Amino acid sequence: MPEYHLVQAGPTPVGPFCHATEADGWVFLTGQMPTDPDAPDAELPDGIGAQSVRVMENLKIVLEGLGLSLGDVVQCRCYLTEFERDFYPFNEIYKRYFPEGARPARTTIGVTALAVGALVEVDMLARRSKG
């Protein structure tokens, strides 16, 4: 049976969903927004750089709350509202979170809009180590 996780230290979900669902060691992390976990109603950070950092930090909080780390991530999906403008600046932030040679598979998609007016959202698939 799937397990549904809501991480206490994690950001407040912007919709009716949990932070992650787990089945057979696979952990599906809900896409995170650039919201501040300590101030969910605060304005979003300004610009793609600051929003990208906040999204990745929020994902780390969720992973850590589940006893996982970025090293357990096997795939990411990234969503950008201004794809042509923000693809390369986003990459500059993203690559700081994964060492070269150990970066997960990734798809990046341009979208027309995201919740809360965000410029970026990232979801992840992680695998819990056996044993």
N, C-alpha and C. Protein backbone atom coordinates (compact mmCIF):
# COMPACT_ATOMS: atom_id res chain seq x y z
N MET A 1 0.84 -1.19 0.00
CA MET A 1 0.00 0.00 0.00
C MET A 1 0.88 1.24 0.00
N PRO A 2 0.48 2.27 -0.70
CA PRO A 2 1.26 3.50 -0.67
C PRO A 2 1.23 4.16 0.72
N GLU A 3 2.30 4.85 1.02
CA GLU A 3 2.36 5.70 2.22
C GLU A 3 2.31 7.14 1.74
N TYR A 4 1.56 7.97 2.46
CA TYR A 4 1.42 9.37 2.12
C TYR A 4 2.12 10.19 3.19
N HIS A 5 3.08 11.01 2.77
CA HIS A 5 3.91 11.75 3.72
C HIS A 5 3.62 13.24 3.67
N LEU A 6 3.46 13.81 4.84
CA LEU A 6 3.41 15.26 5.00
C LEU A 6 4.50 15.59 6.02
N VAL A 7 5.54 16.25 5.58
CA VAL A 7 6.71 16.55 6.40
C VAL A 7 6.44 17.79 7.23
N GLN A 8 6.57 17.66 8.53
CA GLN A 8 6.22 18.76 9.44
C GLN A 8 7.00 20.04 9.13
N ALA A 9 8.28 19.94 8.83
CA ALA A 9 9.11 21.12 8.54
C ALA A 9 8.96 21.62 7.11
N GLY A 10 8.22 20.88 6.30
CA GLY A 10 8.09 21.22 4.89
C GLY A 10 7.19 22.42 4.65
N PRO A 11 7.27 22.93 3.43
CA PRO A 11 6.41 24.05 3.07
C PRO A 11 4.93 23.66 3.10
N THR A 12 4.08 24.61 3.35
CA THR A 12 2.64 24.36 3.33
C THR A 12 2.23 24.06 1.89
N PRO A 13 1.60 22.91 1.64
CA PRO A 13 1.16 22.61 0.27
C PRO A 13 0.21 23.70 -0.24
N VAL A 14 0.35 24.03 -1.53
CA VAL A 14 -0.51 25.06 -2.12
C VAL A 14 -1.80 24.47 -2.68
N GLY A 15 -1.99 23.17 -2.51
CA GLY A 15 -3.20 22.49 -2.97
C GLY A 15 -3.46 21.28 -2.11
N PRO A 16 -4.49 20.50 -2.47
CA PRO A 16 -4.86 19.33 -1.67
C PRO A 16 -4.02 18.10 -2.02
N PHE A 17 -2.79 18.09 -1.52
CA PHE A 17 -1.88 16.96 -1.77
C PHE A 17 -0.85 16.87 -0.65
N CYS A 18 -0.17 15.74 -0.61
CA CYS A 18 0.88 15.52 0.39
C CYS A 18 2.23 15.91 -0.21
N HIS A 19 3.27 15.92 0.61
CA HIS A 19 4.62 16.22 0.12
C HIS A 19 5.19 15.09 -0.72
N ALA A 20 4.83 13.85 -0.39
CA ALA A 20 5.38 12.71 -1.12
C ALA A 20 4.50 11.49 -0.90
N THR A 21 4.55 10.61 -1.88
CA THR A 21 3.90 9.31 -1.78
C THR A 21 4.98 8.26 -2.00
N GLU A 22 4.94 7.20 -1.21
CA GLU A 22 5.97 6.16 -1.27
C GLU A 22 5.34 4.80 -1.50
N ALA A 23 5.95 4.03 -2.41
CA ALA A 23 5.51 2.67 -2.67
C ALA A 23 6.71 1.84 -3.09
N ASP A 24 6.92 0.71 -2.42
CA ASP A 24 8.00 -0.22 -2.76
C ASP A 24 9.37 0.45 -2.84
N GLY A 25 9.63 1.41 -1.96
CA GLY A 25 10.92 2.08 -1.93
C GLY A 25 11.05 3.26 -2.88
N TRP A 26 10.07 3.44 -3.75
CA TRP A 26 10.05 4.60 -4.65
C TRP A 26 9.34 5.74 -3.96
N VAL A 27 9.93 6.92 -3.98
CA VAL A 27 9.36 8.09 -3.32
C VAL A 27 9.11 9.17 -4.36
N PHE A 28 7.85 9.50 -4.54
CA PHE A 28 7.41 10.49 -5.52
C PHE A 28 7.17 11.81 -4.80
N LEU A 29 8.05 12.78 -5.01
CA LEU A 29 7.91 14.07 -4.34
C LEU A 29 7.04 15.00 -5.17
N THR A 30 6.06 15.58 -4.52
CA THR A 30 5.21 16.58 -5.16
C THR A 30 6.07 17.77 -5.58
N GLY A 31 5.72 18.36 -6.70
CA GLY A 31 6.42 19.57 -7.14
C GLY A 31 6.37 20.63 -6.07
N GLN A 32 7.53 21.23 -5.83
CA GLN A 32 7.61 22.28 -4.81
C GLN A 32 7.65 23.66 -5.46
N MET A 33 7.06 24.59 -4.77
CA MET A 33 6.98 25.98 -5.20
C MET A 33 8.04 26.78 -4.43
N PRO A 34 8.33 27.99 -4.87
CA PRO A 34 9.31 28.81 -4.17
C PRO A 34 8.72 29.57 -2.97
N THR A 35 7.92 28.87 -2.18
CA THR A 35 7.33 29.49 -1.00
C THR A 35 8.23 29.26 0.21
N ASP A 36 8.16 30.16 1.15
CA ASP A 36 8.96 30.09 2.37
C ASP A 36 8.25 29.18 3.38
N PRO A 37 8.89 28.09 3.80
CA PRO A 37 8.24 27.19 4.76
C PRO A 37 7.88 27.87 6.07
N ASP A 38 8.64 28.91 6.42
CA ASP A 38 8.40 29.61 7.69
C ASP A 38 7.40 30.76 7.55
N ALA A 39 7.10 31.14 6.32
CA ALA A 39 6.16 32.25 6.08
C ALA A 39 5.41 31.96 4.78
N PRO A 40 4.47 31.02 4.81
CA PRO A 40 3.82 30.58 3.59
C PRO A 40 3.06 31.67 2.83
N ASP A 41 2.67 32.74 3.52
CA ASP A 41 1.93 33.81 2.86
C ASP A 41 2.83 34.95 2.38
N ALA A 42 4.14 34.83 2.60
CA ALA A 42 5.07 35.87 2.17
C ALA A 42 5.14 35.92 0.65
N GLU A 43 5.54 37.05 0.12
CA GLU A 43 5.74 37.17 -1.32
C GLU A 43 6.83 36.21 -1.76
N LEU A 44 6.73 35.74 -3.00
CA LEU A 44 7.75 34.85 -3.54
C LEU A 44 9.06 35.61 -3.74
N PRO A 45 10.18 34.92 -3.69
CA PRO A 45 11.45 35.57 -3.99
C PRO A 45 11.41 36.17 -5.40
N ASP A 46 12.19 37.19 -5.62
CA ASP A 46 12.20 37.90 -6.90
C ASP A 46 13.17 37.25 -7.87
N GLY A 47 12.68 36.84 -9.02
CA GLY A 47 13.53 36.35 -10.10
C GLY A 47 13.75 34.85 -10.08
N ILE A 48 14.18 34.34 -11.23
CA ILE A 48 14.36 32.90 -11.40
C ILE A 48 15.46 32.35 -10.50
N GLY A 49 16.53 33.08 -10.29
CA GLY A 49 17.61 32.58 -9.44
C GLY A 49 17.16 32.32 -8.02
N ALA A 50 16.55 33.32 -7.41
CA ALA A 50 16.09 33.19 -6.03
C ALA A 50 14.97 32.16 -5.90
N GLN A 51 14.07 32.12 -6.88
CA GLN A 51 13.00 31.14 -6.82
C GLN A 51 13.53 29.72 -7.00
N SER A 52 14.53 29.56 -7.86
CA SER A 52 15.11 28.23 -8.07
C SER A 52 15.77 27.71 -6.80
N VAL A 53 16.51 28.58 -6.11
CA VAL A 53 17.14 28.19 -4.85
C VAL A 53 16.08 27.78 -3.84
N ARG A 54 15.02 28.57 -3.70
CA ARG A 54 13.97 28.25 -2.72
C ARG A 54 13.30 26.92 -3.05
N VAL A 55 13.03 26.66 -4.32
CA VAL A 55 12.41 25.39 -4.71
C VAL A 55 13.32 24.23 -4.34
N MET A 56 14.59 24.32 -4.68
CA MET A 56 15.52 23.23 -4.39
C MET A 56 15.69 23.04 -2.89
N GLU A 57 15.74 24.12 -2.14
CA GLU A 57 15.84 24.01 -0.69
C GLU A 57 14.58 23.38 -0.10
N ASN A 58 13.42 23.71 -0.64
CA ASN A 58 12.18 23.10 -0.18
C ASN A 58 12.19 21.60 -0.45
N LEU A 59 12.69 21.19 -1.61
CA LEU A 59 12.79 19.77 -1.92
C LEU A 59 13.75 19.07 -0.96
N LYS A 60 14.85 19.72 -0.63
CA LYS A 60 15.78 19.14 0.35
C LYS A 60 15.11 18.94 1.70
N ILE A 61 14.30 19.90 2.13
CA ILE A 61 13.58 19.79 3.40
C ILE A 61 12.68 18.56 3.38
N VAL A 62 11.95 18.38 2.30
CA VAL A 62 11.05 17.22 2.20
C VAL A 62 11.86 15.93 2.20
N LEU A 63 12.91 15.87 1.39
CA LEU A 63 13.74 14.67 1.35
C LEU A 63 14.30 14.34 2.73
N GLU A 64 14.87 15.34 3.40
CA GLU A 64 15.46 15.12 4.73
C GLU A 64 14.40 14.68 5.73
N GLY A 65 13.18 15.21 5.61
CA GLY A 65 12.10 14.81 6.49
C GLY A 65 11.70 13.35 6.30
N LEU A 66 12.09 12.79 5.17
CA LEU A 66 11.80 11.38 4.88
C LEU A 66 13.02 10.50 5.04
N GLY A 67 14.10 11.07 5.57
CA GLY A 67 15.33 10.31 5.76
C GLY A 67 16.09 10.07 4.46
N LEU A 68 15.90 10.95 3.49
CA LEU A 68 16.55 10.85 2.18
C LEU A 68 17.39 12.10 1.92
N SER A 69 18.11 12.07 0.81
CA SER A 69 18.91 13.22 0.41
C SER A 69 18.86 13.36 -1.11
N LEU A 70 19.46 14.41 -1.62
CA LEU A 70 19.53 14.59 -3.06
C LEU A 70 20.26 13.43 -3.74
N GLY A 71 21.12 12.75 -3.02
CA GLY A 71 21.83 11.60 -3.56
C GLY A 71 20.92 10.41 -3.84
N ASP A 72 19.70 10.43 -3.31
CA ASP A 72 18.73 9.37 -3.55
C ASP A 72 17.81 9.67 -4.74
N VAL A 73 17.94 10.86 -5.32
CA VAL A 73 17.06 11.29 -6.40
C VAL A 73 17.51 10.66 -7.72
N VAL A 74 16.55 10.07 -8.43
CA VAL A 74 16.87 9.43 -9.71
C VAL A 74 16.29 10.18 -10.90
N GLN A 75 15.34 11.07 -10.68
CA GLN A 75 14.72 11.80 -11.78
C GLN A 75 14.09 13.08 -11.28
N CYS A 76 14.15 14.13 -12.10
CA CYS A 76 13.50 15.41 -11.80
C CYS A 76 12.70 15.87 -13.01
N ARG A 77 11.61 16.52 -12.73
CA ARG A 77 10.87 17.24 -13.77
C ARG A 77 10.81 18.69 -13.32
N CYS A 78 11.20 19.57 -14.23
CA CYS A 78 11.29 20.99 -13.94
C CYS A 78 10.34 21.74 -14.86
N TYR A 79 9.63 22.69 -14.30
CA TYR A 79 8.64 23.45 -15.05
C TYR A 79 9.00 24.93 -14.96
N LEU A 80 9.08 25.58 -16.11
CA LEU A 80 9.44 27.00 -16.18
C LEU A 80 8.37 27.77 -16.95
N THR A 81 7.92 28.89 -16.41
CA THR A 81 6.91 29.69 -17.10
C THR A 81 7.53 30.56 -18.19
N GLU A 82 8.80 30.86 -18.08
CA GLU A 82 9.51 31.67 -19.09
C GLU A 82 10.68 30.85 -19.59
N PHE A 83 10.39 29.78 -20.33
CA PHE A 83 11.39 28.78 -20.69
C PHE A 83 12.61 29.39 -21.38
N GLU A 84 12.40 30.13 -22.44
CA GLU A 84 13.54 30.67 -23.19
C GLU A 84 14.39 31.61 -22.35
N ARG A 85 13.78 32.43 -21.56
CA ARG A 85 14.51 33.38 -20.72
C ARG A 85 15.21 32.70 -19.56
N ASP A 86 14.56 31.70 -18.94
CA ASP A 86 15.02 31.18 -17.65
C ASP A 86 15.72 29.83 -17.69
N PHE A 87 15.76 29.14 -18.84
CA PHE A 87 16.35 27.81 -18.89
C PHE A 87 17.80 27.81 -18.44
N TYR A 88 18.62 28.68 -18.99
CA TYR A 88 20.05 28.67 -18.63
C TYR A 88 20.30 29.21 -17.22
N PRO A 89 19.64 30.30 -16.80
CA PRO A 89 19.81 30.72 -15.39
C PRO A 89 19.35 29.65 -14.40
N PHE A 90 18.27 28.96 -14.71
CA PHE A 90 17.81 27.87 -13.84
C PHE A 90 18.88 26.79 -13.74
N ASN A 91 19.47 26.41 -14.88
CA ASN A 91 20.50 25.38 -14.89
C ASN A 91 21.68 25.74 -14.00
N GLU A 92 22.05 27.01 -13.97
CA GLU A 92 23.18 27.44 -13.14
C GLU A 92 22.90 27.16 -11.66
N ILE A 93 21.67 27.34 -11.23
CA ILE A 93 21.30 27.04 -9.85
C ILE A 93 21.19 25.53 -9.65
N TYR A 94 20.47 24.88 -10.53
CA TYR A 94 20.19 23.45 -10.41
C TYR A 94 21.47 22.62 -10.29
N LYS A 95 22.46 22.92 -11.11
CA LYS A 95 23.67 22.09 -11.12
C LYS A 95 24.47 22.20 -9.83
N ARG A 96 24.23 23.20 -9.03
CA ARG A 96 24.89 23.32 -7.73
C ARG A 96 24.42 22.24 -6.75
N TYR A 97 23.25 21.67 -6.99
CA TYR A 97 22.66 20.72 -6.06
C TYR A 97 23.03 19.27 -6.34
N PHE A 98 23.61 19.01 -7.51
CA PHE A 98 23.99 17.64 -7.87
C PHE A 98 25.40 17.65 -8.43
N PRO A 99 26.28 16.78 -7.92
CA PRO A 99 27.65 16.76 -8.44
C PRO A 99 27.70 16.26 -9.89
N GLU A 100 28.60 16.83 -10.65
CA GLU A 100 28.77 16.39 -12.03
C GLU A 100 29.07 14.89 -12.02
N GLY A 101 28.47 14.16 -12.92
CA GLY A 101 28.65 12.73 -12.97
C GLY A 101 27.65 11.96 -12.12
N ALA A 102 26.86 12.68 -11.32
CA ALA A 102 25.85 12.03 -10.48
C ALA A 102 24.55 12.82 -10.52
N ARG A 103 24.24 13.37 -11.68
CA ARG A 103 23.01 14.15 -11.83
C ARG A 103 21.89 13.23 -12.30
N PRO A 104 20.70 13.37 -11.68
CA PRO A 104 19.58 12.50 -12.06
C PRO A 104 19.09 12.82 -13.47
N ALA A 105 18.35 11.86 -14.04
CA ALA A 105 17.66 12.12 -15.30
C ALA A 105 16.73 13.31 -15.08
N ARG A 106 16.50 14.07 -16.17
CA ARG A 106 15.71 15.29 -15.99
C ARG A 106 14.96 15.64 -17.27
N THR A 107 13.77 16.16 -17.08
CA THR A 107 12.99 16.76 -18.15
C THR A 107 12.65 18.17 -17.71
N THR A 108 12.79 19.13 -18.62
CA THR A 108 12.42 20.51 -18.32
C THR A 108 11.36 20.93 -19.33
N ILE A 109 10.28 21.48 -18.81
CA ILE A 109 9.11 21.76 -19.62
C ILE A 109 8.72 23.23 -19.47
N GLY A 110 8.44 23.88 -20.57
CA GLY A 110 7.90 25.22 -20.54
C GLY A 110 6.39 25.15 -20.38
N VAL A 111 5.86 25.92 -19.43
CA VAL A 111 4.42 25.91 -19.14
C VAL A 111 3.89 27.35 -19.18
N THR A 112 2.58 27.49 -19.30
CA THR A 112 2.00 28.82 -19.39
C THR A 112 1.83 29.49 -18.03
N ALA A 113 1.70 28.69 -16.97
CA ALA A 113 1.52 29.26 -15.63
C ALA A 113 1.76 28.18 -14.58
N LEU A 114 2.08 28.63 -13.37
CA LEU A 114 2.23 27.74 -12.22
C LEU A 114 1.46 28.33 -11.05
N ALA A 115 1.16 27.48 -10.07
CA ALA A 115 0.45 27.94 -8.88
C ALA A 115 1.20 29.07 -8.21
N VAL A 116 0.51 29.88 -7.52
CA VAL A 116 0.98 31.03 -6.74
C VAL A 116 1.84 32.01 -7.55
N GLY A 117 1.73 31.97 -8.88
CA GLY A 117 2.48 32.88 -9.72
C GLY A 117 3.97 32.59 -9.80
N ALA A 118 4.35 31.36 -9.47
CA ALA A 118 5.77 30.98 -9.47
C ALA A 118 6.34 30.95 -10.88
N LEU A 119 7.64 31.16 -10.97
CA LEU A 119 8.37 31.04 -12.23
C LEU A 119 8.87 29.62 -12.46
N VAL A 120 9.00 28.84 -11.37
CA VAL A 120 9.61 27.52 -11.45
C VAL A 120 8.95 26.58 -10.44
N GLU A 121 8.87 25.31 -10.84
CA GLU A 121 8.42 24.23 -9.96
C GLU A 121 9.25 23.01 -10.33
N VAL A 122 9.61 22.20 -9.34
CA VAL A 122 10.38 20.97 -9.60
C VAL A 122 9.77 19.85 -8.77
N ASP A 123 9.57 18.70 -9.43
CA ASP A 123 9.19 17.50 -8.68
C ASP A 123 10.30 16.47 -8.85
N MET A 124 10.29 15.45 -8.02
CA MET A 124 11.37 14.47 -8.01
C MET A 124 10.86 13.06 -7.78
N LEU A 125 11.65 12.12 -8.25
CA LEU A 125 11.47 10.71 -7.95
C LEU A 125 12.75 10.25 -7.27
N ALA A 126 12.61 9.68 -6.09
CA ALA A 126 13.77 9.18 -5.34
C ALA A 126 13.58 7.70 -5.08
N ARG A 127 14.66 7.03 -4.77
CA ARG A 127 14.62 5.60 -4.46
C ARG A 127 15.25 5.39 -3.10
N ARG A 128 14.51 4.79 -2.20
CA ARG A 128 15.03 4.49 -0.88
C ARG A 128 15.95 3.27 -0.96
N SER A 129 17.13 3.38 -0.39
CA SER A 129 18.08 2.27 -0.40
C SER A 129 17.53 1.09 0.36
N LYS A 130 17.78 -0.10 -0.13
CA LYS A 130 17.35 -1.30 0.59
C LYS A 130 18.38 -1.64 1.65
N GLY A 131 17.88 -2.06 2.79
CA GLY A 131 18.77 -2.48 3.86
C GLY A 131 19.01 -1.40 4.77
